[in-house]
Amino acid sequence: MAWLLVIVAGLFETGFAVSLKLSDGFTRPWPTIGFCVFALASFGLLTLSLKKLDVGPAYAVWTGIGASGTAIYGMAFLGDLVSALKIVSITLVIIGVIGLQLSGSASEPGDRPPRPGSG
């Protein structure tokens, strides 16, 4: 369940990055509101997921999904340049995200030693 939150948070990260572009420097109200909503949702879900996941892999997956999703959206809908190198690079990011997710992160708080100052 925690990994699902990270994935959805990564998709919301794509939403806030695209909204940031569309806001034209926060001068257009609806994209600016979209940015705020997507950003709050993204950070909120990431925060919830970090209660059960290690920060390194979770953050890497979150940013990987956001970066890949934003690049794909830009190429598909915003007229960003499409190149073989971009597609290969996005593919490598996605492979890295999958590898980090599969590398293992504690899924239950009892699976890891207590954090300093937490107990």
C-alpha atoms as a PDB file:
ATOM      1  CA  MET A   1       0.000   0.000   0.000  1.00  0.00           C
ATOM      2  CA  ALA A   2       2.843   2.412   0.818  1.00  0.00           C
ATOM      3  CA  TRP A   3       4.376   1.898  -2.631  1.00  0.00           C
ATOM      4  CA  LEU A   4       1.017   2.645  -4.242  1.00  0.00           C
ATOM      5  CA  LEU A   5       1.006   5.976  -2.377  1.00  0.00           C
ATOM      6  CA  VAL A   6       4.478   6.744  -3.757  1.00  0.00           C
ATOM      7  CA  ILE A   7       3.347   5.930  -7.302  1.00  0.00           C
ATOM      8  CA  VAL A   8       0.259   8.146  -7.047  1.00  0.00           C
ATOM      9  CA  ALA A   9       2.372  10.882  -5.419  1.00  0.00           C
ATOM     10  CA  GLY A  10       4.757  10.646  -8.394  1.00  0.00           C
ATOM     11  CA  LEU A  11       1.859  11.097 -10.785  1.00  0.00           C
ATOM     12  CA  PHE A  12       0.742  14.155  -8.826  1.00  0.00           C
ATOM     13  CA  GLU A  13       4.327  15.421  -9.074  1.00  0.00           C
ATOM     14  CA  THR A  14       3.954  15.258 -12.855  1.00  0.00           C
ATOM     15  CA  GLY A  15       0.745  17.271 -12.458  1.00  0.00           C
ATOM     16  CA  PHE A  16       2.384  19.979 -10.403  1.00  0.00           C
ATOM     17  CA  ALA A  17       5.365  20.273 -12.743  1.00  0.00           C
ATOM     18  CA  VAL A  18       3.123  20.597 -15.807  1.00  0.00           C
ATOM     19  CA  SER A  19       0.856  23.055 -13.969  1.00  0.00           C
ATOM     20  CA  LEU A  20       3.910  25.101 -13.032  1.00  0.00           C
ATOM     21  CA  LYS A  21       4.800  25.377 -16.725  1.00  0.00           C
ATOM     22  CA  LEU A  22       1.224  26.251 -17.682  1.00  0.00           C
ATOM     23  CA  SER A  23       0.924  28.846 -14.896  1.00  0.00           C
ATOM     24  CA  ASP A  24       3.318  31.132 -16.836  1.00  0.00           C
ATOM     25  CA  GLY A  25       5.141  32.256 -13.702  1.00  0.00           C
ATOM     26  CA  PHE A  26       2.012  32.069 -11.523  1.00  0.00           C
ATOM     27  CA  THR A  27       0.256  34.640 -13.712  1.00  0.00           C
ATOM     28  CA  ARG A  28      -2.557  32.310 -14.853  1.00  0.00           C
ATOM     29  CA  PRO A  29      -4.973  31.472 -12.020  1.00  0.00           C
ATOM     30  CA  TRP A  30      -6.247  27.989 -12.934  1.00  0.00           C
ATOM     31  CA  PRO A  31      -2.863  26.395 -13.601  1.00  0.00           C
ATOM     32  CA  THR A  32      -1.569  28.088 -10.444  1.00  0.00           C
ATOM     33  CA  ILE A  33      -4.409  26.573  -8.417  1.00  0.00           C
ATOM     34  CA  GLY A  34      -3.720  23.228 -10.112  1.00  0.00           C
ATOM     35  CA  PHE A  35      -0.068  23.507  -9.111  1.00  0.00           C
ATOM     36  CA  CYS A  36      -1.029  24.079  -5.478  1.00  0.00           C
ATOM     37  CA  VAL A  37      -3.496  21.179  -5.399  1.00  0.00           C
ATOM     38  CA  PHE A  38      -1.146  18.750  -7.154  1.00  0.00           C
ATOM     39  CA  ALA A  39       1.820  19.785  -5.003  1.00  0.00           C
ATOM     40  CA  LEU A  40      -0.098  19.362  -1.739  1.00  0.00           C
ATOM     41  CA  ALA A  41      -1.430  15.978  -2.853  1.00  0.00           C
ATOM     42  CA  SER A  42       1.994  14.824  -4.004  1.00  0.00           C
ATOM     43  CA  PHE A  43       3.873  15.866  -0.880  1.00  0.00           C
ATOM     44  CA  GLY A  44       1.049  14.650   1.354  1.00  0.00           C
ATOM     45  CA  LEU A  45       1.028  11.162  -0.161  1.00  0.00           C
ATOM     46  CA  LEU A  46       4.816  10.965  -0.103  1.00  0.00           C
ATOM     47  CA  THR A  47       4.764  11.941   3.567  1.00  0.00           C
ATOM     48  CA  LEU A  48       2.243   9.200   4.363  1.00  0.00           C
ATOM     49  CA  SER A  49       4.283   6.602   2.488  1.00  0.00           C
ATOM     50  CA  LEU A  50       7.439   7.512   4.419  1.00  0.00           C
ATOM     51  CA  LYS A  51       5.828   6.223   7.599  1.00  0.00           C
ATOM     52  CA  LYS A  52       6.466   2.720   6.242  1.00  0.00           C
ATOM     53  CA  LEU A  53       9.194   3.072   3.615  1.00  0.00           C
ATOM     54  CA  ASP A  54      12.856   4.002   3.655  1.00  0.00           C
ATOM     55  CA  VAL A  55      13.349   7.559   2.467  1.00  0.00           C
ATOM     56  CA  GLY A  56      16.035   6.864  -0.165  1.00  0.00           C
ATOM     57  CA  PRO A  57      14.186   4.404  -2.417  1.00  0.00           C
ATOM     58  CA  ALA A  58      10.808   6.095  -1.877  1.00  0.00           C
ATOM     59  CA  TYR A  59      12.147   9.540  -2.783  1.00  0.00           C
ATOM     60  CA  ALA A  60      14.003   8.178  -5.805  1.00  0.00           C
ATOM     61  CA  VAL A  61      10.876   6.427  -7.086  1.00  0.00           C
ATOM     62  CA  TRP A  62       8.779   9.559  -6.480  1.00  0.00           C
ATOM     63  CA  THR A  63      11.163  11.832  -8.350  1.00  0.00           C
ATOM     64  CA  GLY A  64      11.732   9.253 -11.093  1.00  0.00           C
ATOM     65  CA  ILE A  65       8.020   8.960 -11.787  1.00  0.00           C
ATOM     66  CA  GLY A  66       7.621  12.742 -11.675  1.00  0.00           C
ATOM     67  CA  ALA A  67      10.571  13.429 -13.957  1.00  0.00           C
ATOM     68  CA  SER A  68       9.683  10.706 -16.460  1.00  0.00           C
ATOM     69  CA  GLY A  69       6.002  11.596 -16.445  1.00  0.00           C
ATOM     70  CA  THR A  70       6.741  15.280 -16.938  1.00  0.00           C
ATOM     71  CA  ALA A  71       9.138  14.606 -19.813  1.00  0.00           C
ATOM     72  CA  ILE A  72       6.660  12.259 -21.511  1.00  0.00           C
ATOM     73  CA  TYR A  73       3.780  14.724 -21.052  1.00  0.00           C
ATOM     74  CA  GLY A  74       5.906  17.565 -22.411  1.00  0.00           C
ATOM     75  CA  MET A  75       6.805  15.592 -25.519  1.00  0.00           C
ATOM     76  CA  ALA A  76       3.255  14.338 -26.058  1.00  0.00           C
ATOM     77  CA  PHE A  77       1.268  17.515 -25.360  1.00  0.00           C
ATOM     78  CA  LEU A  78       3.489  20.579 -24.987  1.00  0.00           C
ATOM     79  CA  GLY A  79       5.637  20.380 -28.091  1.00  0.00           C
ATOM     80  CA  ASP A  80       8.864  19.451 -26.285  1.00  0.00           C
ATOM     81  CA  LEU A  81      11.566  18.043 -28.535  1.00  0.00           C
ATOM     82  CA  VAL A  82      11.368  14.264 -29.009  1.00  0.00           C
ATOM     83  CA  SER A  83      14.669  12.493 -29.509  1.00  0.00           C
ATOM     84  CA  ALA A  84      16.009   8.974 -29.258  1.00  0.00           C
ATOM     85  CA  LEU A  85      18.339  10.052 -26.448  1.00  0.00           C
ATOM     86  CA  LYS A  86      15.422  11.435 -24.431  1.00  0.00           C
ATOM     87  CA  ILE A  87      13.435   8.232 -24.873  1.00  0.00           C
ATOM     88  CA  VAL A  88      16.413   6.058 -23.913  1.00  0.00           C
ATOM     89  CA  SER A  89      17.095   8.262 -20.894  1.00  0.00           C
ATOM     90  CA  ILE A  90      13.485   8.112 -19.712  1.00  0.00           C
ATOM     91  CA  THR A  91      13.576   4.334 -20.142  1.00  0.00           C
ATOM     92  CA  LEU A  92      16.725   4.155 -18.004  1.00  0.00           C
ATOM     93  CA  VAL A  93      15.093   6.280 -15.291  1.00  0.00           C
ATOM     94  CA  ILE A  94      12.070   3.965 -15.280  1.00  0.00           C
ATOM     95  CA  ILE A  95      14.317   0.887 -15.097  1.00  0.00           C
ATOM     96  CA  GLY A  96      16.174   2.504 -12.188  1.00  0.00           C
ATOM     97  CA  VAL A  97      12.897   3.295 -10.410  1.00  0.00           C
ATOM     98  CA  ILE A  98      11.751  -0.299 -10.781  1.00  0.00           C
ATOM     99  CA  GLY A  99      15.122  -1.541  -9.539  1.00  0.00           C
ATOM    100  CA  LEU A 100      14.946   0.680  -6.468  1.00  0.00           C
ATOM    101  CA  GLN A 101      11.417  -0.424  -5.741  1.00  0.00           C
ATOM    102  CA  LEU A 102      12.450  -4.073  -6.010  1.00  0.00           C
ATOM    103  CA  SER A 103      15.640  -3.541  -3.994  1.00  0.00           C
ATOM    104  CA  GLY A 104      13.639  -3.815  -0.843  1.00  0.00           C
ATOM    105  CA  SER A 105      12.399  -1.277   1.591  1.00  0.00           C
ATOM    106  CA  ALA A 106      10.927  -2.112   4.961  1.00  0.00           C
ATOM    107  CA  SER A 107       7.173  -2.389   4.651  1.00  0.00           C
ATOM    108  CA  GLU A 108       6.412  -2.541   8.358  1.00  0.00           C
ATOM    109  CA  PRO A 109       7.870  -0.306  11.069  1.00  0.00           C
ATOM    110  CA  GLY A 110       8.906  -3.385  13.076  1.00  0.00           C
ATOM    111  CA  ASP A 111      11.155  -4.600  10.240  1.00  0.00           C
ATOM    112  CA  ARG A 112      13.856  -2.038  10.952  1.00  0.00           C
ATOM    113  CA  PRO A 113      15.760  -0.887  14.010  1.00  0.00           C
ATOM    114  CA  PRO A 114      14.298   2.109  15.863  1.00  0.00           C
ATOM    115  CA  ARG A 115      15.415   5.537  14.716  1.00  0.00           C
ATOM    116  CA  PRO A 116      17.662   7.512  17.041  1.00  0.00           C
ATOM    117  CA  GLY A 117      15.592   9.574  19.428  1.00  0.00           C
ATOM    118  CA  SER A 118      12.364   7.724  18.603  1.00  0.00           C
ATOM    119  CA  GLY A 119      12.170   5.414  21.501  1.00  0.00           C
END
